[in-house]
Protein backbone atom coordinates (compact mmCIF):
# COMPACT_ATOMS: atom_id res chain seq x y z
CA UNK A 1 0.00 0.00 0.00
CA UNK A 2 1.31 3.44 -0.91
CA UNK A 3 1.65 6.09 1.77
CA UNK A 4 0.47 8.98 -0.41
CA UNK A 5 -2.25 9.57 -2.97
CA UNK A 6 -1.06 11.98 -5.64
CA UNK A 7 -2.99 13.93 -8.25
CA UNK A 8 -1.54 16.49 -10.64
CA UNK A 9 -3.82 19.08 -12.27
CA UNK A 10 -2.52 21.38 -14.95
CA UNK A 11 -5.90 22.43 -16.34
CA UNK A 12 -6.72 25.16 -13.81
CA UNK A 13 -5.39 27.81 -11.45
CA UNK A 14 -4.01 27.02 -8.01
CA UNK A 15 -6.93 28.76 -6.30
CA UNK A 16 -9.48 26.85 -8.40
CA UNK A 17 -7.81 23.52 -7.63
CA UNK A 18 -7.66 24.46 -3.94
CA UNK A 19 -11.40 25.20 -3.92
CA UNK A 20 -12.20 21.97 -5.80
CA UNK A 21 -10.03 20.01 -3.36
CA UNK A 22 -11.78 21.47 -0.33
CA UNK A 23 -15.19 20.78 -1.83
CA UNK A 24 -14.29 17.18 -2.69
CA UNK A 25 -13.00 16.63 0.84
CA UNK A 26 -16.17 18.13 2.35
CA UNK A 27 -18.31 15.99 0.06
CA UNK A 28 -16.59 12.92 1.52
CA UNK A 29 -17.02 13.91 5.16
CA UNK A 30 -13.67 15.62 5.75
CA UNK A 31 -13.21 18.92 7.52
CA UNK A 32 -10.10 21.10 7.26
CA UNK A 33 -8.31 21.32 10.62
CA UNK A 34 -5.04 22.94 9.62
CA UNK A 35 -3.54 24.72 6.67
CA UNK A 36 0.07 25.54 5.88
CA UNK A 37 0.92 27.72 2.90
CA UNK A 38 4.43 26.59 1.98
CA UNK A 39 6.51 29.48 0.69
CA UNK A 40 10.14 28.40 0.58
CA UNK A 41 11.17 31.48 -1.37
CA UNK A 42 10.77 33.62 1.75
CA UNK A 43 12.60 31.21 4.07
CA UNK A 44 15.20 29.50 1.90
CA UNK A 45 15.32 31.58 -1.28
CA UNK A 46 14.13 28.53 -3.23
CA UNK A 47 11.72 28.90 -6.15
CA UNK A 48 8.85 26.43 -6.29
CA UNK A 49 5.26 26.34 -7.49
CA UNK A 50 2.42 27.20 -5.11
CA UNK A 51 2.09 24.48 -2.48
CA UNK A 52 -0.32 24.10 0.41
CA UNK A 53 -0.60 21.39 3.06
CA UNK A 54 -4.16 20.84 4.23
CA UNK A 55 -4.67 18.79 7.39
CA UNK A 56 -8.07 17.12 7.38
CA UNK A 57 -10.16 14.84 9.54
CA UNK A 58 -13.15 12.66 8.84
CA UNK A 59 -14.83 12.53 12.27
CA UNK A 60 -16.77 9.33 11.57
CA UNK A 61 -13.65 7.43 10.52
CA UNK A 62 -11.56 9.08 13.25
CA UNK A 63 -14.00 7.83 15.86
CA UNK A 64 -13.58 4.30 14.54
CA UNK A 65 -9.78 4.61 14.48
CA UNK A 66 -9.40 6.00 18.01
CA UNK A 67 -9.78 2.53 19.48
CA UNK A 68 -7.03 1.09 17.28
CA UNK A 69 -3.33 1.30 18.20
CA UNK A 70 -2.05 4.27 16.12
CA UNK A 71 1.45 2.78 15.91
CA UNK A 72 0.22 -0.15 13.82
CA UNK A 73 -0.52 1.83 10.64
CA UNK A 74 2.86 3.55 10.78
CA UNK A 75 4.63 0.18 10.78
CA UNK A 76 3.39 -0.32 7.23
CA UNK A 77 5.81 2.36 6.05
CA UNK A 78 9.09 0.57 5.46
CA UNK A 79 11.60 3.39 5.18
CA UNK A 80 14.69 3.96 7.29
CA UNK A 81 14.54 7.65 6.35
CA UNK A 82 10.95 7.91 7.55
CA UNK A 83 11.78 6.08 10.76
CA UNK A 84 14.68 8.45 11.45
CA UNK A 85 12.57 11.54 10.80
CA UNK A 86 9.66 10.15 12.85
CA UNK A 87 12.05 9.53 15.74
CA UNK A 88 13.40 13.07 15.49
CA UNK A 89 9.88 14.51 15.44
CA UNK A 90 8.92 12.37 18.44
CA UNK A 91 11.92 13.68 20.38
CA UNK A 92 11.07 17.28 19.50
CA UNK A 93 7.44 16.75 20.48
CA UNK A 94 8.48 15.17 23.78
CA UNK A 95 10.67 18.19 24.55
CA UNK A 96 7.80 20.50 23.61
CA UNK A 97 5.40 18.68 25.93
CA UNK A 98 7.97 18.79 28.74
CA UNK A 99 8.24 22.55 28.30
CA UNK A 100 4.50 23.13 28.81
PDB file of N, CA and C in Angstrom:
ATOM      1  N   UNK A   1       0.842  -1.175   0.000  1.00  0.00           N
ATOM      2  CA  UNK A   1       0.000   0.000   0.000  1.00  0.00           C
ATOM      3  C   UNK A   1       0.890   1.242   0.000  1.00  0.00           C
ATOM      4  N   UNK A   2       0.545   2.194  -0.837  1.00  0.00           N
ATOM      5  CA  UNK A   2       1.311   3.435  -0.909  1.00  0.00           C
ATOM      6  C   UNK A   2       0.928   4.361   0.238  1.00  0.00           C
ATOM      7  N   UNK A   3       1.862   5.163   0.664  1.00  0.00           N
ATOM      8  CA  UNK A   3       1.651   6.090   1.772  1.00  0.00           C
ATOM      9  C   UNK A   3       0.920   7.359   1.328  1.00  0.00           C
ATOM     10  N   UNK A   4       1.101   7.751   0.081  1.00  0.00           N
ATOM     11  CA  UNK A   4       0.473   8.984  -0.408  1.00  0.00           C
ATOM     12  C   UNK A   4      -0.464   8.682  -1.574  1.00  0.00           C
ATOM     13  N   UNK A   5      -1.380   9.599  -1.806  1.00  0.00           N
ATOM     14  CA  UNK A   5      -2.248   9.570  -2.974  1.00  0.00           C
ATOM     15  C   UNK A   5      -1.987  10.875  -3.705  1.00  0.00           C
ATOM     16  N   UNK A   6      -1.471  10.787  -4.906  1.00  0.00           N
ATOM     17  CA  UNK A   6      -1.063  11.983  -5.642  1.00  0.00           C
ATOM     18  C   UNK A   6      -1.985  12.242  -6.823  1.00  0.00           C
ATOM     19  N   UNK A   7      -2.185  13.519  -7.094  1.00  0.00           N
ATOM     20  CA  UNK A   7      -2.992  13.928  -8.248  1.00  0.00           C
ATOM     21  C   UNK A   7      -2.424  15.243  -8.765  1.00  0.00           C
ATOM     22  N   UNK A   8      -2.068  15.276 -10.028  1.00  0.00           N
ATOM     23  CA  UNK A   8      -1.543  16.493 -10.635  1.00  0.00           C
ATOM     24  C   UNK A   8      -2.610  17.085 -11.554  1.00  0.00           C
ATOM     25  N   UNK A   9      -2.867  18.379 -11.412  1.00  0.00           N
ATOM     26  CA  UNK A   9      -3.821  19.082 -12.270  1.00  0.00           C
ATOM     27  C   UNK A   9      -3.106  20.253 -12.917  1.00  0.00           C
ATOM     28  N   UNK A  10      -3.145  20.280 -14.231  1.00  0.00           N
ATOM     29  CA  UNK A  10      -2.518  21.382 -14.952  1.00  0.00           C
ATOM     30  C   UNK A  10      -3.543  22.166 -15.758  1.00  0.00           C
ATOM     31  N   UNK A  11      -4.837  21.841 -15.532  1.00  0.00           N
ATOM     32  CA  UNK A  11      -5.897  22.431 -16.336  1.00  0.00           C
ATOM     33  C   UNK A  11      -6.574  23.627 -15.673  1.00  0.00           C
ATOM     34  N   UNK A  12      -6.024  24.117 -14.552  1.00  0.00           N
ATOM     35  CA  UNK A  12      -6.719  25.156 -13.813  1.00  0.00           C
ATOM     36  C   UNK A  12      -5.724  25.956 -12.980  1.00  0.00           C
ATOM     37  N   UNK A  13      -6.235  26.997 -12.311  1.00  0.00           N
ATOM     38  CA  UNK A  13      -5.388  27.810 -11.447  1.00  0.00           C
ATOM     39  C   UNK A  13      -5.232  27.140 -10.088  1.00  0.00           C
ATOM     40  N   UNK A  14      -4.244  27.553  -9.355  1.00  0.00           N
ATOM     41  CA  UNK A  14      -4.006  27.017  -8.012  1.00  0.00           C
ATOM     42  C   UNK A  14      -5.229  27.251  -7.119  1.00  0.00           C
ATOM     43  N   UNK A  15      -5.776  28.449  -7.157  1.00  0.00           N
ATOM     44  CA  UNK A  15      -6.927  28.761  -6.304  1.00  0.00           C
ATOM     45  C   UNK A  15      -8.148  27.922  -6.676  1.00  0.00           C
ATOM     46  N   UNK A  16      -8.364  27.674  -7.972  1.00  0.00           N
ATOM     47  CA  UNK A  16      -9.483  26.851  -8.398  1.00  0.00           C
ATOM     48  C   UNK A  16      -9.284  25.406  -7.934  1.00  0.00           C
ATOM     49  N   UNK A  17      -8.093  24.890  -8.073  1.00  0.00           N
ATOM     50  CA  UNK A  17      -7.809  23.519  -7.634  1.00  0.00           C
ATOM     51  C   UNK A  17      -7.959  23.417  -6.116  1.00  0.00           C
ATOM     52  N   UNK A  18      -7.513  24.440  -5.395  1.00  0.00           N
ATOM     53  CA  UNK A  18      -7.657  24.460  -3.942  1.00  0.00           C
ATOM     54  C   UNK A  18      -9.139  24.391  -3.554  1.00  0.00           C
ATOM     55  N   UNK A  19      -9.964  25.196  -4.216  1.00  0.00           N
ATOM     56  CA  UNK A  19     -11.405  25.203  -3.918  1.00  0.00           C
ATOM     57  C   UNK A  19     -12.040  23.861  -4.268  1.00  0.00           C
ATOM     58  N   UNK A  20     -11.669  23.274  -5.403  1.00  0.00           N
ATOM     59  CA  UNK A  20     -12.203  21.966  -5.795  1.00  0.00           C
ATOM     60  C   UNK A  20     -11.774  20.884  -4.812  1.00  0.00           C
ATOM     61  N   UNK A  21     -10.537  20.977  -4.339  1.00  0.00           N
ATOM     62  CA  UNK A  21     -10.030  20.009  -3.363  1.00  0.00           C
ATOM     63  C   UNK A  21     -10.828  20.085  -2.078  1.00  0.00           C
ATOM     64  N   UNK A  22     -11.024  21.292  -1.574  1.00  0.00           N
ATOM     65  CA  UNK A  22     -11.776  21.473  -0.326  1.00  0.00           C
ATOM     66  C   UNK A  22     -13.212  20.967  -0.467  1.00  0.00           C
ATOM     67  N   UNK A  23     -13.820  21.232  -1.614  1.00  0.00           N
ATOM     68  CA  UNK A  23     -15.194  20.783  -1.830  1.00  0.00           C
ATOM     69  C   UNK A  23     -15.258  19.254  -1.897  1.00  0.00           C
ATOM     70  N   UNK A  24     -14.313  18.647  -2.593  1.00  0.00           N
ATOM     71  CA  UNK A  24     -14.290  17.184  -2.693  1.00  0.00           C
ATOM     72  C   UNK A  24     -14.091  16.558  -1.322  1.00  0.00           C
ATOM     73  N   UNK A  25     -13.216  17.142  -0.523  1.00  0.00           N
ATOM     74  CA  UNK A  25     -12.999  16.632   0.838  1.00  0.00           C
ATOM     75  C   UNK A  25     -14.277  16.758   1.666  1.00  0.00           C
ATOM     76  N   UNK A  26     -14.926  17.914   1.602  1.00  0.00           N
ATOM     77  CA  UNK A  26     -16.174  18.130   2.354  1.00  0.00           C
ATOM     78  C   UNK A  26     -17.254  17.154   1.894  1.00  0.00           C
ATOM     79  N   UNK A  27     -17.317  16.912   0.604  1.00  0.00           N
ATOM     80  CA  UNK A  27     -18.310  15.987   0.061  1.00  0.00           C
ATOM     81  C   UNK A  27     -18.117  14.564   0.586  1.00  0.00           C
ATOM     82  N   UNK A  28     -16.898  14.259   1.010  1.00  0.00           N
ATOM     83  CA  UNK A  28     -16.593  12.923   1.517  1.00  0.00           C
ATOM     84  C   UNK A  28     -16.443  12.893   3.042  1.00  0.00           C
ATOM     85  N   UNK A  29     -16.980  13.911   3.705  1.00  0.00           N
ATOM     86  CA  UNK A  29     -17.023  13.908   5.160  1.00  0.00           C
ATOM     87  C   UNK A  29     -15.810  14.454   5.869  1.00  0.00           C
ATOM     88  N   UNK A  30     -14.877  15.073   5.133  1.00  0.00           N
ATOM     89  CA  UNK A  30     -13.675  15.617   5.749  1.00  0.00           C
ATOM     90  C   UNK A  30     -13.845  17.100   6.060  1.00  0.00           C
ATOM     91  N   UNK A  31     -13.281  17.514   7.173  1.00  0.00           N
ATOM     92  CA  UNK A  31     -13.213  18.924   7.519  1.00  0.00           C
ATOM     93  C   UNK A  31     -11.749  19.336   7.547  1.00  0.00           C
ATOM     94  N   UNK A  32     -11.473  20.583   7.239  1.00  0.00           N
ATOM     95  CA  UNK A  32     -10.101  21.096   7.264  1.00  0.00           C
ATOM     96  C   UNK A  32      -9.781  21.544   8.685  1.00  0.00           C
ATOM     97  N   UNK A  33      -8.740  20.964   9.266  1.00  0.00           N
ATOM     98  CA  UNK A  33      -8.311  21.318  10.618  1.00  0.00           C
ATOM     99  C   UNK A  33      -7.149  22.296  10.612  1.00  0.00           C
ATOM    100  N   UNK A  34      -6.221  22.093   9.686  1.00  0.00           N
ATOM    101  CA  UNK A  34      -5.037  22.942   9.618  1.00  0.00           C
ATOM    102  C   UNK A  34      -4.713  23.262   8.173  1.00  0.00           C
ATOM    103  N   UNK A  35      -3.943  24.306   8.007  1.00  0.00           N
ATOM    104  CA  UNK A  35      -3.542  24.717   6.668  1.00  0.00           C
ATOM    105  C   UNK A  35      -2.170  25.382   6.756  1.00  0.00           C
ATOM    106  N   UNK A  36      -1.253  24.943   5.920  1.00  0.00           N
ATOM    107  CA  UNK A  36       0.074  25.540   5.877  1.00  0.00           C
ATOM    108  C   UNK A  36       0.369  25.929   4.441  1.00  0.00           C
ATOM    109  N   UNK A  37       0.563  27.217   4.218  1.00  0.00           N
ATOM    110  CA  UNK A  37       0.918  27.717   2.896  1.00  0.00           C
ATOM    111  C   UNK A  37       2.441  27.704   2.817  1.00  0.00           C
ATOM    112  N   UNK A  38       2.983  26.784   2.042  1.00  0.00           N
ATOM    113  CA  UNK A  38       4.432  26.589   1.978  1.00  0.00           C
ATOM    114  C   UNK A  38       5.029  27.592   0.997  1.00  0.00           C
ATOM    115  N   UNK A  39       5.849  28.467   1.522  1.00  0.00           N
ATOM    116  CA  UNK A  39       6.509  29.478   0.694  1.00  0.00           C
ATOM    117  C   UNK A  39       8.005  29.442   1.002  1.00  0.00           C
ATOM    118  N   UNK A  40       8.710  28.570   0.319  1.00  0.00           N
ATOM    119  CA  UNK A  40      10.141  28.396   0.583  1.00  0.00           C
ATOM    120  C   UNK A  40      10.966  29.574   0.097  1.00  0.00           C
ATOM    121  N   UNK A  41      10.441  30.329  -0.847  1.00  0.00           N
ATOM    122  CA  UNK A  41      11.169  31.478  -1.366  1.00  0.00           C
ATOM    123  C   UNK A  41      11.509  32.440  -0.230  1.00  0.00           C
ATOM    124  N   UNK A  42      10.557  32.672   0.664  1.00  0.00           N
ATOM    125  CA  UNK A  42      10.773  33.620   1.751  1.00  0.00           C
ATOM    126  C   UNK A  42      11.769  33.085   2.770  1.00  0.00           C
ATOM    127  N   UNK A  43      11.756  31.779   3.020  1.00  0.00           N
ATOM    128  CA  UNK A  43      12.598  31.206   4.072  1.00  0.00           C
ATOM    129  C   UNK A  43      13.955  30.737   3.568  1.00  0.00           C
ATOM    130  N   UNK A  44      13.963  30.126   2.378  1.00  0.00           N
ATOM    131  CA  UNK A  44      15.198  29.502   1.899  1.00  0.00           C
ATOM    132  C   UNK A  44      15.696  30.055   0.571  1.00  0.00           C
ATOM    133  N   UNK A  45      14.998  31.036   0.030  1.00  0.00           N
ATOM    134  CA  UNK A  45      15.317  31.585  -1.280  1.00  0.00           C
ATOM    135  C   UNK A  45      15.322  30.492  -2.341  1.00  0.00           C
ATOM    136  N   UNK A  46      14.291  29.621  -2.282  1.00  0.00           N
ATOM    137  CA  UNK A  46      14.127  28.527  -3.231  1.00  0.00           C
ATOM    138  C   UNK A  46      12.832  28.758  -3.994  1.00  0.00           C
ATOM    139  N   UNK A  47      12.911  28.736  -5.317  1.00  0.00           N
ATOM    140  CA  UNK A  47      11.721  28.898  -6.146  1.00  0.00           C
ATOM    141  C   UNK A  47      10.984  27.567  -6.240  1.00  0.00           C
ATOM    142  N   UNK A  48       9.663  27.613  -6.074  1.00  0.00           N
ATOM    143  CA  UNK A  48       8.846  26.426  -6.286  1.00  0.00           C
ATOM    144  C   UNK A  48       7.418  26.866  -6.564  1.00  0.00           C
ATOM    145  N   UNK A  49       6.665  25.999  -7.216  1.00  0.00           N
ATOM    146  CA  UNK A  49       5.262  26.345  -7.490  1.00  0.00           C
ATOM    147  C   UNK A  49       4.470  26.466  -6.187  1.00  0.00           C
ATOM    148  N   UNK A  50       3.294  27.070  -6.281  1.00  0.00           N
ATOM    149  CA  UNK A  50       2.415  27.195  -5.112  1.00  0.00           C
ATOM    150  C   UNK A  50       2.180  25.817  -4.508  1.00  0.00           C
ATOM    151  N   UNK A  51       2.193  25.754  -3.186  1.00  0.00           N
ATOM    152  CA  UNK A  51       2.093  24.478  -2.481  1.00  0.00           C
ATOM    153  C   UNK A  51       1.416  24.717  -1.149  1.00  0.00           C
ATOM    154  N   UNK A  52       0.402  23.931  -0.844  1.00  0.00           N
ATOM    155  CA  UNK A  52      -0.321  24.104   0.405  1.00  0.00           C
ATOM    156  C   UNK A  52      -0.584  22.736   1.016  1.00  0.00           C
ATOM    157  N   UNK A  53      -0.273  22.603   2.301  1.00  0.00           N
ATOM    158  CA  UNK A  53      -0.604  21.395   3.056  1.00  0.00           C
ATOM    159  C   UNK A  53      -1.922  21.639   3.768  1.00  0.00           C
ATOM    160  N   UNK A  54      -2.869  20.728   3.573  1.00  0.00           N
ATOM    161  CA  UNK A  54      -4.163  20.837   4.230  1.00  0.00           C
ATOM    162  C   UNK A  54      -4.323  19.620   5.132  1.00  0.00           C
ATOM    163  N   UNK A  55      -4.439  19.869   6.428  1.00  0.00           N
ATOM    164  CA  UNK A  55      -4.667  18.791   7.390  1.00  0.00           C
ATOM    165  C   UNK A  55      -6.162  18.593   7.568  1.00  0.00           C
ATOM    166  N   UNK A  56      -6.639  17.379   7.329  1.00  0.00           N
ATOM    167  CA  UNK A  56      -8.069  17.123   7.385  1.00  0.00           C
ATOM    168  C   UNK A  56      -8.408  16.003   8.367  1.00  0.00           C
ATOM    169  N   UNK A  57      -9.671  15.913   8.674  1.00  0.00           N
ATOM    170  CA  UNK A  57     -10.160  14.843   9.543  1.00  0.00           C
ATOM    171  C   UNK A  57     -11.562  14.465   9.109  1.00  0.00           C
ATOM    172  N   UNK A  58     -11.802  13.177   9.070  1.00  0.00           N
ATOM    173  CA  UNK A  58     -13.146  12.659   8.842  1.00  0.00           C
ATOM    174  C   UNK A  58     -13.617  12.145  10.194  1.00  0.00           C
ATOM    175  N   UNK A  59     -14.461  12.892  10.902  1.00  0.00           N
ATOM    176  CA  UNK A  59     -14.831  12.533  12.270  1.00  0.00           C
ATOM    177  C   UNK A  59     -15.386  11.118  12.422  1.00  0.00           C
ATOM    178  N   UNK A  60     -16.193  10.672  11.470  1.00  0.00           N
ATOM    179  CA  UNK A  60     -16.772   9.334  11.567  1.00  0.00           C
ATOM    180  C   UNK A  60     -15.670   8.273  11.554  1.00  0.00           C
ATOM    181  N   UNK A  61     -14.742   8.394  10.624  1.00  0.00           N
ATOM    182  CA  UNK A  61     -13.647   7.432  10.525  1.00  0.00           C
ATOM    183  C   UNK A  61     -12.688   7.598  11.702  1.00  0.00           C
ATOM    184  N   UNK A  62     -12.450   8.836  12.117  1.00  0.00           N
ATOM    185  CA  UNK A  62     -11.560   9.076  13.253  1.00  0.00           C
ATOM    186  C   UNK A  62     -12.099   8.403  14.505  1.00  0.00           C
ATOM    187  N   UNK A  63     -13.392   8.472  14.698  1.00  0.00           N
ATOM    188  CA  UNK A  63     -13.999   7.833  15.860  1.00  0.00           C
ATOM    189  C   UNK A  63     -13.751   6.331  15.845  1.00  0.00           C
ATOM    190  N   UNK A  64     -13.849   5.727  14.676  1.00  0.00           N
ATOM    191  CA  UNK A  64     -13.576   4.300  14.544  1.00  0.00           C
ATOM    192  C   UNK A  64     -12.105   3.990  14.824  1.00  0.00           C
ATOM    193  N   UNK A  65     -11.216   4.867  14.379  1.00  0.00           N
ATOM    194  CA  UNK A  65      -9.778   4.613  14.484  1.00  0.00           C
ATOM    195  C   UNK A  65      -9.225   4.853  15.883  1.00  0.00           C
ATOM    196  N   UNK A  66      -9.919   5.652  16.686  1.00  0.00           N
ATOM    197  CA  UNK A  66      -9.396   5.998  18.007  1.00  0.00           C
ATOM    198  C   UNK A  66      -9.143   4.764  18.863  1.00  0.00           C
ATOM    199  N   UNK A  67      -9.949   3.743  18.688  1.00  0.00           N
ATOM    200  CA  UNK A  67      -9.781   2.532  19.482  1.00  0.00           C
ATOM    201  C   UNK A  67      -8.695   1.603  18.982  1.00  0.00           C
ATOM    202  N   UNK A  68      -8.076   1.937  17.861  1.00  0.00           N
ATOM    203  CA  UNK A  68      -7.027   1.091  17.279  1.00  0.00           C
ATOM    204  C   UNK A  68      -5.670   1.686  17.635  1.00  0.00           C
ATOM    205  N   UNK A  69      -4.703   0.845  17.900  1.00  0.00           N
ATOM    206  CA  UNK A  69      -3.334   1.300  18.199  1.00  0.00           C
ATOM    207  C   UNK A  69      -2.781   2.126  17.037  1.00  0.00           C
ATOM    208  N   UNK A  70      -2.502   3.438  17.227  1.00  0.00           N
ATOM    209  CA  UNK A  70      -2.046   4.272  16.117  1.00  0.00           C
ATOM    210  C   UNK A  70      -0.650   3.923  15.613  1.00  0.00           C
ATOM    211  N   UNK A  71       0.108   3.148  16.373  1.00  0.00           N
ATOM    212  CA  UNK A  71       1.449   2.779  15.910  1.00  0.00           C
ATOM    213  C   UNK A  71       1.365   1.751  14.789  1.00  0.00           C
ATOM    214  N   UNK A  72       0.356   0.923  14.809  1.00  0.00           N
ATOM    215  CA  UNK A  72       0.224  -0.154  13.823  1.00  0.00           C
ATOM    216  C   UNK A  72       0.236   0.351  12.379  1.00  0.00           C
ATOM    217  N   UNK A  73      -0.556   1.381  12.034  1.00  0.00           N
ATOM    218  CA  UNK A  73      -0.524   1.833  10.637  1.00  0.00           C
ATOM    219  C   UNK A  73       0.839   2.367  10.217  1.00  0.00           C
ATOM    220  N   UNK A  74       1.559   2.985  11.125  1.00  0.00           N
ATOM    221  CA  UNK A  74       2.862   3.550  10.776  1.00  0.00           C
ATOM    222  C   UNK A  74       3.898   2.469  10.510  1.00  0.00           C
ATOM    223  N   UNK A  75       3.696   1.274  11.021  1.00  0.00           N
ATOM    224  CA  UNK A  75       4.628   0.183  10.780  1.00  0.00           C
ATOM    225  C   UNK A  75       4.567  -0.292   9.337  1.00  0.00           C
ATOM    226  N   UNK A  76       3.518   0.066   8.629  1.00  0.00           N
ATOM    227  CA  UNK A  76       3.389  -0.324   7.226  1.00  0.00           C
ATOM    228  C   UNK A  76       4.359   0.443   6.335  1.00  0.00           C
ATOM    229  N   UNK A  77       4.882   1.552   6.829  1.00  0.00           N
ATOM    230  CA  UNK A  77       5.808   2.365   6.047  1.00  0.00           C
ATOM    231  C   UNK A  77       7.219   1.861   6.303  1.00  0.00           C
ATOM    232  N   UNK A  78       7.761   1.154   5.327  1.00  0.00           N
ATOM    233  CA  UNK A  78       9.095   0.566   5.457  1.00  0.00           C
ATOM    234  C   UNK A  78      10.125   1.520   4.845  1.00  0.00           C
ATOM    235  N   UNK A  79      10.624   2.414   5.656  1.00  0.00           N
ATOM    236  CA  UNK A  79      11.601   3.390   5.182  1.00  0.00           C
ATOM    237  C   UNK A  79      12.480   3.815   6.346  1.00  0.00           C
ATOM    238  N   UNK A  80      13.773   3.562   6.225  1.00  0.00           N
ATOM    239  CA  UNK A  80      14.686   3.964   7.294  1.00  0.00           C
ATOM    240  C   UNK A  80      14.724   5.488   7.426  1.00  0.00           C
ATOM    241  N   UNK A  81      14.568   6.185   6.298  1.00  0.00           N
ATOM    242  CA  UNK A  81      14.543   7.646   6.347  1.00  0.00           C
ATOM    243  C   UNK A  81      13.329   8.132   7.125  1.00  0.00           C
ATOM    244  N   UNK A  82      12.166   7.529   6.842  1.00  0.00           N
ATOM    245  CA  UNK A  82      10.951   7.911   7.551  1.00  0.00           C
ATOM    246  C   UNK A  82      11.079   7.620   9.035  1.00  0.00           C
ATOM    247  N   UNK A  83      11.616   6.458   9.363  1.00  0.00           N
ATOM    248  CA  UNK A  83      11.780   6.080  10.762  1.00  0.00           C
ATOM    249  C   UNK A  83      12.678   7.069  11.489  1.00  0.00           C
ATOM    250  N   UNK A  84      13.762   7.483  10.839  1.00  0.00           N
ATOM    251  CA  UNK A  84      14.677   8.446  11.454  1.00  0.00           C
ATOM    252  C   UNK A  84      13.996   9.788  11.679  1.00  0.00           C
ATOM    253  N   UNK A  85      13.269  10.250  10.674  1.00  0.00           N
ATOM    254  CA  UNK A  85      12.571  11.536  10.802  1.00  0.00           C
ATOM    255  C   UNK A  85      11.479  11.432  11.861  1.00  0.00           C
ATOM    256  N   UNK A  86      10.727  10.340  11.854  1.00  0.00           N
ATOM    257  CA  UNK A  86       9.664  10.155  12.849  1.00  0.00           C
ATOM    258  C   UNK A  86      10.244  10.161  14.259  1.00  0.00           C
ATOM    259  N   UNK A  87      11.403   9.525  14.436  1.00  0.00           N
ATOM    260  CA  UNK A  87      12.053   9.530  15.745  1.00  0.00           C
ATOM    261  C   UNK A  87      12.470  10.923  16.162  1.00  0.00           C
ATOM    262  N   UNK A  88      12.991  11.686  15.209  1.00  0.00           N
ATOM    263  CA  UNK A  88      13.404  13.066  15.491  1.00  0.00           C
ATOM    264  C   UNK A  88      12.190  13.909  15.892  1.00  0.00           C
ATOM    265  N   UNK A  89      11.099  13.754  15.136  1.00  0.00           N
ATOM    266  CA  UNK A  89       9.879  14.507  15.442  1.00  0.00           C
ATOM    267  C   UNK A  89       9.350  14.122  16.819  1.00  0.00           C
ATOM    268  N   UNK A  90       9.387  12.825  17.128  1.00  0.00           N
ATOM    269  CA  UNK A  90       8.916  12.373  18.441  1.00  0.00           C
ATOM    270  C   UNK A  90       9.737  13.003  19.556  1.00  0.00           C
ATOM    271  N   UNK A  91      11.053  13.062  19.380  1.00  0.00           N
ATOM    272  CA  UNK A  91      11.922  13.680  20.385  1.00  0.00           C
ATOM    273  C   UNK A  91      11.606  15.165  20.554  1.00  0.00           C
ATOM    274  N   UNK A  92      11.402  15.849  19.448  1.00  0.00           N
ATOM    275  CA  UNK A  92      11.075  17.277  19.504  1.00  0.00           C
ATOM    276  C   UNK A  92       9.731  17.479  20.191  1.00  0.00           C
ATOM    277  N   UNK A  93       8.749  16.634  19.848  1.00  0.00           N
ATOM    278  CA  UNK A  93       7.436  16.746  20.483  1.00  0.00           C
ATOM    279  C   UNK A  93       7.522  16.474  21.975  1.00  0.00           C
ATOM    280  N   UNK A  94       8.325  15.480  22.373  1.00  0.00           N
ATOM    281  CA  UNK A  94       8.482  15.170  23.783  1.00  0.00           C
ATOM    282  C   UNK A  94       9.079  16.365  24.532  1.00  0.00           C
ATOM    283  N   UNK A  95      10.072  17.004  23.924  1.00  0.00           N
ATOM    284  CA  UNK A  95      10.671  18.193  24.552  1.00  0.00           C
ATOM    285  C   UNK A  95       9.657  19.325  24.640  1.00  0.00           C
ATOM    286  N   UNK A  96       8.819  19.459  23.605  1.00  0.00           N
ATOM    287  CA  UNK A  96       7.796  20.500  23.609  1.00  0.00           C
ATOM    288  C   UNK A  96       6.795  20.261  24.734  1.00  0.00           C
ATOM    289  N   UNK A  97       6.370  19.017  24.887  1.00  0.00           N
ATOM    290  CA  UNK A  97       5.403  18.680  25.934  1.00  0.00           C
ATOM    291  C   UNK A  97       6.021  18.912  27.309  1.00  0.00           C
ATOM    292  N   UNK A  98       7.285  18.564  27.468  1.00  0.00           N
ATOM    293  CA  UNK A  98       7.968  18.789  28.743  1.00  0.00           C
ATOM    294  C   UNK A  98       8.040  20.261  29.093  1.00  0.00           C
ATOM    295  N   UNK A  99       8.104  21.112  28.080  1.00  0.00           N
ATOM    296  CA  UNK A  99       8.237  22.551  28.300  1.00  0.00           C
ATOM    297  C   UNK A  99       6.910  23.220  28.654  1.00  0.00           C
ATOM    298  N   UNK A 100       5.816  22.523  28.529  1.00  0.00           N
ATOM    299  CA  UNK A 100       4.500  23.126  28.814  1.00  0.00           C
ATOM    300  C   UNK A 100       4.352  23.384  30.306  1.00  0.00           C
TER     301      UNK A 100
END
